N, C-alpha and C. Protein backbone atom coordinates (compact mmCIF):
# COMPACT_ATOMS: atom_id res chain seq x y z
N MET A 1 -11.75 19.50 0.68
CA MET A 1 -12.77 19.01 1.59
C MET A 1 -12.82 19.93 2.80
N ARG A 2 -13.99 20.23 3.23
CA ARG A 2 -14.17 21.01 4.45
C ARG A 2 -14.24 20.03 5.62
N HIS A 3 -13.41 20.26 6.61
CA HIS A 3 -13.35 19.33 7.75
C HIS A 3 -14.59 19.39 8.63
N ASN A 4 -15.44 20.37 8.43
CA ASN A 4 -16.67 20.43 9.22
C ASN A 4 -17.84 19.79 8.48
N ASP A 5 -17.58 19.23 7.34
CA ASP A 5 -18.61 18.59 6.57
C ASP A 5 -18.67 17.12 6.96
N PHE A 6 -19.71 16.75 7.69
CA PHE A 6 -19.85 15.40 8.22
C PHE A 6 -19.85 14.34 7.12
N THR A 7 -20.48 14.60 6.01
CA THR A 7 -20.53 13.63 4.91
C THR A 7 -19.13 13.36 4.38
N ASP A 8 -18.35 14.40 4.13
CA ASP A 8 -16.99 14.22 3.63
C ASP A 8 -16.13 13.46 4.63
N LEU A 9 -16.25 13.80 5.89
CA LEU A 9 -15.48 13.09 6.91
C LEU A 9 -15.89 11.62 7.01
N THR A 10 -17.15 11.35 6.85
CA THR A 10 -17.63 9.97 6.89
C THR A 10 -17.05 9.16 5.73
N ILE A 11 -16.95 9.76 4.56
CA ILE A 11 -16.37 9.07 3.40
C ILE A 11 -14.89 8.77 3.65
N VAL A 12 -14.17 9.75 4.18
CA VAL A 12 -12.75 9.53 4.51
C VAL A 12 -12.62 8.39 5.52
N GLU A 13 -13.42 8.43 6.57
CA GLU A 13 -13.37 7.38 7.60
C GLU A 13 -13.71 6.01 7.02
N THR A 14 -14.67 5.96 6.12
CA THR A 14 -15.05 4.69 5.50
C THR A 14 -13.88 4.10 4.74
N TRP A 15 -13.19 4.91 3.93
CA TRP A 15 -12.05 4.40 3.15
C TRP A 15 -10.86 4.08 4.04
N MET A 16 -10.73 4.77 5.16
CA MET A 16 -9.68 4.40 6.11
C MET A 16 -9.98 3.04 6.73
N GLU A 17 -11.25 2.76 6.96
CA GLU A 17 -11.65 1.44 7.49
C GLU A 17 -11.42 0.35 6.45
N VAL A 18 -11.71 0.64 5.19
CA VAL A 18 -11.45 -0.33 4.13
C VAL A 18 -9.96 -0.65 4.08
N GLU A 19 -9.14 0.39 4.15
CA GLU A 19 -7.69 0.17 4.15
C GLU A 19 -7.28 -0.69 5.34
N ALA A 20 -7.76 -0.36 6.51
CA ALA A 20 -7.36 -1.07 7.73
C ALA A 20 -7.84 -2.51 7.78
N HIS A 21 -9.04 -2.77 7.26
CA HIS A 21 -9.64 -4.09 7.44
C HIS A 21 -9.64 -4.98 6.20
N GLN A 22 -9.40 -4.41 5.03
CA GLN A 22 -9.44 -5.21 3.81
C GLN A 22 -8.12 -5.18 3.03
N PHE A 23 -7.49 -4.03 2.99
CA PHE A 23 -6.28 -3.83 2.18
C PHE A 23 -5.01 -4.18 2.95
N ASP A 24 -4.93 -3.74 4.17
CA ASP A 24 -3.70 -3.84 4.95
C ASP A 24 -3.22 -5.27 5.15
N SER A 25 -4.09 -6.17 5.53
CA SER A 25 -3.69 -7.53 5.85
C SER A 25 -3.04 -8.26 4.67
N PRO A 26 -3.66 -8.28 3.48
CA PRO A 26 -2.99 -8.97 2.39
C PRO A 26 -1.69 -8.31 1.96
N VAL A 27 -1.65 -6.98 1.96
CA VAL A 27 -0.42 -6.29 1.57
C VAL A 27 0.70 -6.61 2.56
N ARG A 28 0.39 -6.56 3.85
CA ARG A 28 1.40 -6.89 4.87
C ARG A 28 1.90 -8.32 4.71
N ALA A 29 0.99 -9.24 4.47
CA ALA A 29 1.39 -10.64 4.32
C ALA A 29 2.30 -10.83 3.11
N ILE A 30 1.96 -10.21 2.00
CA ILE A 30 2.78 -10.33 0.78
C ILE A 30 4.15 -9.70 1.00
N VAL A 31 4.19 -8.52 1.57
CA VAL A 31 5.46 -7.86 1.86
C VAL A 31 6.29 -8.71 2.82
N GLY A 32 5.63 -9.26 3.82
CA GLY A 32 6.33 -10.12 4.77
C GLY A 32 6.96 -11.32 4.09
N GLN A 33 6.21 -11.96 3.22
CA GLN A 33 6.70 -13.14 2.52
C GLN A 33 7.78 -12.82 1.50
N MET A 34 7.61 -11.73 0.76
CA MET A 34 8.49 -11.46 -0.38
C MET A 34 9.67 -10.55 -0.07
N ILE A 35 9.58 -9.78 1.01
CA ILE A 35 10.68 -8.86 1.34
C ILE A 35 11.30 -9.20 2.69
N VAL A 36 10.47 -9.31 3.72
CA VAL A 36 10.99 -9.51 5.07
C VAL A 36 11.59 -10.91 5.24
N ASN A 37 10.85 -11.94 4.84
CA ASN A 37 11.37 -13.31 5.01
C ASN A 37 12.73 -13.50 4.34
N PRO A 38 12.91 -13.12 3.08
CA PRO A 38 14.22 -13.31 2.46
C PRO A 38 15.36 -12.56 3.18
N ILE A 39 15.07 -11.40 3.73
CA ILE A 39 16.10 -10.67 4.49
C ILE A 39 16.58 -11.52 5.66
N HIS A 40 15.68 -12.29 6.23
CA HIS A 40 16.01 -13.12 7.38
C HIS A 40 16.37 -14.55 6.99
N GLY A 41 16.55 -14.79 5.71
CA GLY A 41 16.94 -16.11 5.25
C GLY A 41 15.82 -17.13 5.24
N ILE A 42 14.59 -16.67 5.25
CA ILE A 42 13.42 -17.55 5.25
C ILE A 42 12.81 -17.53 3.85
N ALA A 43 12.55 -18.71 3.34
CA ALA A 43 11.95 -18.81 2.00
C ALA A 43 10.50 -18.32 2.04
N PRO A 44 10.10 -17.56 1.03
CA PRO A 44 8.69 -17.14 0.93
C PRO A 44 7.77 -18.34 0.77
N ASP A 45 6.61 -18.26 1.37
CA ASP A 45 5.60 -19.32 1.25
C ASP A 45 4.68 -18.95 0.09
N GLU A 46 4.82 -19.67 -1.01
CA GLU A 46 4.06 -19.34 -2.23
C GLU A 46 2.55 -19.48 -2.04
N LYS A 47 2.12 -20.39 -1.18
CA LYS A 47 0.68 -20.54 -0.93
C LYS A 47 0.11 -19.30 -0.26
N ILE A 48 0.84 -18.77 0.70
CA ILE A 48 0.40 -17.54 1.37
C ILE A 48 0.39 -16.39 0.37
N ILE A 49 1.43 -16.28 -0.41
CA ILE A 49 1.51 -15.19 -1.40
C ILE A 49 0.32 -15.28 -2.36
N GLN A 50 0.02 -16.46 -2.86
CA GLN A 50 -1.10 -16.63 -3.80
C GLN A 50 -2.44 -16.28 -3.15
N SER A 51 -2.67 -16.80 -1.96
CA SER A 51 -3.93 -16.56 -1.26
C SER A 51 -4.12 -15.07 -0.97
N GLU A 52 -3.07 -14.43 -0.47
CA GLU A 52 -3.17 -13.01 -0.11
C GLU A 52 -3.26 -12.13 -1.35
N THR A 53 -2.63 -12.54 -2.44
CA THR A 53 -2.73 -11.79 -3.69
C THR A 53 -4.16 -11.83 -4.21
N GLU A 54 -4.81 -12.97 -4.10
CA GLU A 54 -6.22 -13.05 -4.52
C GLU A 54 -7.10 -12.12 -3.69
N LYS A 55 -6.88 -12.09 -2.39
CA LYS A 55 -7.64 -11.17 -1.52
C LYS A 55 -7.39 -9.73 -1.93
N LEU A 56 -6.11 -9.40 -2.16
CA LEU A 56 -5.77 -8.04 -2.54
C LEU A 56 -6.39 -7.66 -3.88
N GLN A 57 -6.40 -8.58 -4.82
CA GLN A 57 -7.01 -8.28 -6.12
C GLN A 57 -8.49 -7.95 -5.97
N ASN A 58 -9.18 -8.65 -5.11
CA ASN A 58 -10.60 -8.35 -4.87
C ASN A 58 -10.78 -6.94 -4.32
N VAL A 59 -9.94 -6.56 -3.39
CA VAL A 59 -10.01 -5.21 -2.82
C VAL A 59 -9.68 -4.18 -3.89
N LEU A 60 -8.65 -4.46 -4.68
CA LEU A 60 -8.24 -3.51 -5.72
C LEU A 60 -9.28 -3.37 -6.82
N ASP A 61 -10.08 -4.38 -7.04
CA ASP A 61 -11.19 -4.24 -7.99
C ASP A 61 -12.19 -3.19 -7.49
N VAL A 62 -12.44 -3.18 -6.20
CA VAL A 62 -13.31 -2.16 -5.60
C VAL A 62 -12.65 -0.79 -5.72
N TYR A 63 -11.35 -0.71 -5.45
CA TYR A 63 -10.62 0.55 -5.58
C TYR A 63 -10.70 1.06 -7.03
N GLU A 64 -10.50 0.15 -7.98
CA GLU A 64 -10.53 0.55 -9.39
C GLU A 64 -11.88 1.17 -9.75
N GLU A 65 -12.95 0.56 -9.28
CA GLU A 65 -14.29 1.10 -9.53
C GLU A 65 -14.42 2.49 -8.90
N ARG A 66 -14.01 2.61 -7.66
CA ARG A 66 -14.11 3.90 -6.96
C ARG A 66 -13.27 4.96 -7.65
N LEU A 67 -12.04 4.60 -7.99
CA LEU A 67 -11.13 5.58 -8.59
C LEU A 67 -11.47 5.90 -10.05
N SER A 68 -12.38 5.16 -10.64
CA SER A 68 -12.86 5.51 -11.97
C SER A 68 -13.83 6.69 -11.88
N LYS A 69 -14.29 6.99 -10.66
CA LYS A 69 -15.26 8.06 -10.46
C LYS A 69 -14.71 9.26 -9.70
N SER A 70 -13.54 9.09 -9.09
CA SER A 70 -12.93 10.20 -8.35
C SER A 70 -11.42 10.06 -8.39
N LYS A 71 -10.72 11.15 -8.21
CA LYS A 71 -9.26 11.14 -8.29
C LYS A 71 -8.64 10.40 -7.10
N TYR A 72 -9.26 10.55 -5.94
CA TYR A 72 -8.76 9.92 -4.72
C TYR A 72 -9.86 9.07 -4.12
N LEU A 73 -9.51 8.26 -3.14
CA LEU A 73 -10.50 7.33 -2.58
C LEU A 73 -11.70 8.03 -1.97
N ALA A 74 -11.49 9.13 -1.28
CA ALA A 74 -12.59 9.81 -0.62
C ALA A 74 -13.20 10.94 -1.45
N GLY A 75 -12.77 11.06 -2.68
CA GLY A 75 -13.32 12.11 -3.54
C GLY A 75 -12.23 12.78 -4.36
N ASP A 76 -12.36 14.08 -4.54
CA ASP A 76 -11.42 14.80 -5.39
C ASP A 76 -10.25 15.41 -4.63
N ASN A 77 -10.19 15.18 -3.32
CA ASN A 77 -9.11 15.72 -2.51
C ASN A 77 -8.30 14.60 -1.87
N TYR A 78 -7.02 14.82 -1.80
CA TYR A 78 -6.09 13.90 -1.14
C TYR A 78 -6.34 13.97 0.36
N THR A 79 -6.55 12.79 0.98
CA THR A 79 -6.87 12.75 2.41
C THR A 79 -6.07 11.65 3.09
N MET A 80 -6.31 11.49 4.38
CA MET A 80 -5.69 10.40 5.13
C MET A 80 -6.07 9.04 4.55
N ALA A 81 -7.21 8.95 3.91
CA ALA A 81 -7.61 7.69 3.29
C ALA A 81 -6.58 7.25 2.25
N ASP A 82 -5.98 8.18 1.55
CA ASP A 82 -4.94 7.89 0.57
C ASP A 82 -3.58 7.74 1.25
N LEU A 83 -3.28 8.65 2.12
CA LEU A 83 -1.99 8.67 2.81
C LEU A 83 -1.72 7.38 3.56
N ASN A 84 -2.72 6.80 4.17
CA ASN A 84 -2.54 5.56 4.95
C ASN A 84 -2.01 4.40 4.11
N HIS A 85 -2.20 4.44 2.82
CA HIS A 85 -1.76 3.35 1.95
C HIS A 85 -0.26 3.40 1.63
N ILE A 86 0.35 4.53 1.80
CA ILE A 86 1.70 4.73 1.30
C ILE A 86 2.76 3.79 1.91
N PRO A 87 2.86 3.66 3.23
CA PRO A 87 3.99 2.89 3.75
C PRO A 87 4.11 1.47 3.19
N TYR A 88 3.06 0.70 3.24
CA TYR A 88 3.18 -0.67 2.75
C TYR A 88 3.21 -0.74 1.23
N LEU A 89 2.55 0.19 0.55
CA LEU A 89 2.61 0.16 -0.91
C LEU A 89 4.01 0.48 -1.41
N VAL A 90 4.75 1.29 -0.68
CA VAL A 90 6.14 1.57 -1.08
C VAL A 90 6.92 0.26 -1.13
N TYR A 91 6.76 -0.57 -0.11
CA TYR A 91 7.41 -1.89 -0.12
C TYR A 91 6.80 -2.80 -1.18
N PHE A 92 5.48 -2.88 -1.19
CA PHE A 92 4.77 -3.79 -2.09
C PHE A 92 5.16 -3.55 -3.54
N MET A 93 5.32 -2.31 -3.93
CA MET A 93 5.62 -1.99 -5.33
C MET A 93 7.01 -2.44 -5.73
N ARG A 94 7.79 -2.94 -4.79
CA ARG A 94 9.11 -3.50 -5.08
C ARG A 94 9.06 -5.01 -5.25
N THR A 95 7.88 -5.57 -5.19
CA THR A 95 7.73 -7.02 -5.33
C THR A 95 7.27 -7.35 -6.75
N PRO A 96 7.43 -8.61 -7.15
CA PRO A 96 6.91 -9.02 -8.45
C PRO A 96 5.39 -8.95 -8.54
N LYS A 97 4.71 -8.75 -7.44
CA LYS A 97 3.25 -8.64 -7.43
C LYS A 97 2.76 -7.22 -7.69
N ALA A 98 3.67 -6.29 -7.92
CA ALA A 98 3.30 -4.89 -8.16
C ALA A 98 2.34 -4.74 -9.34
N ASN A 99 2.33 -5.73 -10.22
CA ASN A 99 1.44 -5.64 -11.39
C ASN A 99 -0.04 -5.64 -11.00
N VAL A 100 -0.39 -6.08 -9.79
CA VAL A 100 -1.80 -6.01 -9.41
C VAL A 100 -2.23 -4.55 -9.22
N ILE A 101 -1.27 -3.68 -8.98
CA ILE A 101 -1.54 -2.23 -8.95
C ILE A 101 -1.46 -1.67 -10.37
N SER A 102 -0.34 -1.91 -11.03
CA SER A 102 -0.10 -1.29 -12.34
C SER A 102 -1.04 -1.78 -13.43
N SER A 103 -1.66 -2.94 -13.26
CA SER A 103 -2.59 -3.45 -14.28
C SER A 103 -3.98 -2.83 -14.21
N ARG A 104 -4.24 -2.07 -13.17
CA ARG A 104 -5.53 -1.39 -13.02
C ARG A 104 -5.30 0.09 -13.30
N PRO A 105 -5.79 0.60 -14.41
CA PRO A 105 -5.45 1.97 -14.83
C PRO A 105 -5.73 3.05 -13.79
N HIS A 106 -6.88 2.99 -13.15
CA HIS A 106 -7.22 4.04 -12.19
C HIS A 106 -6.44 3.89 -10.89
N VAL A 107 -6.25 2.66 -10.45
CA VAL A 107 -5.44 2.42 -9.24
C VAL A 107 -4.00 2.83 -9.53
N ASN A 108 -3.50 2.50 -10.70
CA ASN A 108 -2.14 2.85 -11.07
C ASN A 108 -1.95 4.37 -11.11
N ALA A 109 -2.92 5.08 -11.69
CA ALA A 109 -2.82 6.55 -11.74
C ALA A 109 -2.87 7.13 -10.34
N TRP A 110 -3.73 6.59 -9.49
CA TRP A 110 -3.81 7.02 -8.09
C TRP A 110 -2.48 6.80 -7.39
N TRP A 111 -1.89 5.60 -7.56
CA TRP A 111 -0.62 5.31 -6.92
C TRP A 111 0.48 6.25 -7.44
N ALA A 112 0.51 6.49 -8.75
CA ALA A 112 1.51 7.40 -9.30
C ALA A 112 1.38 8.79 -8.67
N ASP A 113 0.16 9.23 -8.46
CA ASP A 113 -0.09 10.53 -7.85
C ASP A 113 0.35 10.55 -6.39
N ILE A 114 -0.16 9.61 -5.60
CA ILE A 114 0.13 9.69 -4.17
C ILE A 114 1.58 9.35 -3.85
N SER A 115 2.21 8.52 -4.67
CA SER A 115 3.60 8.15 -4.39
C SER A 115 4.59 9.24 -4.78
N SER A 116 4.13 10.23 -5.53
CA SER A 116 5.03 11.32 -5.92
C SER A 116 4.93 12.51 -4.96
N ARG A 117 4.07 12.44 -4.01
CA ARG A 117 3.91 13.53 -3.04
C ARG A 117 5.08 13.53 -2.06
N PRO A 118 5.42 14.69 -1.51
CA PRO A 118 6.57 14.78 -0.61
C PRO A 118 6.54 13.79 0.56
N ALA A 119 5.38 13.56 1.15
CA ALA A 119 5.29 12.61 2.27
C ALA A 119 5.66 11.20 1.82
N ALA A 120 5.20 10.81 0.65
CA ALA A 120 5.50 9.47 0.13
C ALA A 120 6.97 9.34 -0.24
N VAL A 121 7.52 10.38 -0.83
CA VAL A 121 8.94 10.36 -1.19
C VAL A 121 9.79 10.22 0.07
N LYS A 122 9.44 10.93 1.12
CA LYS A 122 10.16 10.84 2.39
C LYS A 122 10.05 9.43 2.97
N VAL A 123 8.87 8.86 2.97
CA VAL A 123 8.67 7.49 3.48
C VAL A 123 9.54 6.53 2.67
N ALA A 124 9.54 6.65 1.36
CA ALA A 124 10.32 5.76 0.50
C ALA A 124 11.80 5.87 0.80
N GLU A 125 12.29 7.08 0.98
CA GLU A 125 13.70 7.28 1.32
C GLU A 125 14.06 6.61 2.64
N GLU A 126 13.22 6.79 3.64
CA GLU A 126 13.49 6.19 4.94
C GLU A 126 13.40 4.67 4.90
N MET A 127 12.48 4.14 4.12
CA MET A 127 12.36 2.69 3.99
C MET A 127 13.56 2.11 3.26
N ASN A 128 14.06 2.81 2.26
CA ASN A 128 15.26 2.36 1.56
C ASN A 128 16.44 2.27 2.52
N LEU A 129 16.60 3.29 3.35
CA LEU A 129 17.67 3.28 4.34
C LEU A 129 17.51 2.11 5.31
N PHE A 130 16.29 1.88 5.75
CA PHE A 130 16.01 0.80 6.68
C PHE A 130 16.37 -0.56 6.07
N ILE A 131 15.92 -0.79 4.84
CA ILE A 131 16.20 -2.06 4.17
C ILE A 131 17.70 -2.25 4.01
N ARG A 132 18.40 -1.21 3.57
CA ARG A 132 19.86 -1.33 3.41
C ARG A 132 20.54 -1.65 4.74
N LYS A 133 20.10 -0.99 5.79
CA LYS A 133 20.69 -1.21 7.11
C LYS A 133 20.46 -2.65 7.57
N VAL A 134 19.27 -3.16 7.38
CA VAL A 134 18.97 -4.54 7.77
C VAL A 134 19.79 -5.51 6.93
N GLN A 135 19.87 -5.27 5.63
CA GLN A 135 20.62 -6.16 4.75
C GLN A 135 22.10 -6.15 5.09
N GLU A 136 22.64 -4.98 5.42
CA GLU A 136 24.05 -4.88 5.77
C GLU A 136 24.39 -5.67 7.03
N HIS A 137 23.42 -5.82 7.91
CA HIS A 137 23.65 -6.53 9.16
C HIS A 137 23.04 -7.94 9.12
N LYS A 138 22.87 -8.45 7.89
CA LYS A 138 22.38 -9.81 7.67
C LYS A 138 21.11 -10.13 8.44
N GLY A 139 20.17 -9.19 8.37
CA GLY A 139 18.87 -9.45 8.99
C GLY A 139 18.78 -9.10 10.45
N VAL A 140 19.88 -8.67 11.04
CA VAL A 140 19.83 -8.29 12.45
C VAL A 140 19.62 -6.79 12.52
N LEU A 141 18.49 -6.42 13.01
CA LEU A 141 18.17 -4.99 13.09
C LEU A 141 18.97 -4.37 14.21
N VAL A 142 19.68 -3.29 13.88
CA VAL A 142 20.47 -2.57 14.88
C VAL A 142 19.96 -1.14 14.98
N PRO A 143 20.12 -0.53 16.14
CA PRO A 143 19.64 0.85 16.29
C PRO A 143 20.40 1.85 15.44
């Protein structure tokens, strides 16, 4: 993508907005319920998980359609629109709800691609360290 091409930049910005306003909230809620709450000894709320999973599935249906026509969300090039998804998806893919990604062939292929990139691998490594550190201190985050 040429960064001086207004149309390409607009597409990237659009998908970044979709991530921020449609994708992020349900993924955060599910991760919070299924990963963060148990670390702190709080039982996951199944009603929240179900409701947020339904919202996420609706968003992922749109992603599946888009990714059936292009390799990445904003087209054929990896952009910030894809990169922005990595942090929470790294956590999300460790939950039993990961099948909402893996059951969609184009979304799954996209995730396999973006999660194997050096930036994603680095994020995953750092998140693993963070989770271990929190678990070792029984939910008390230490510097």
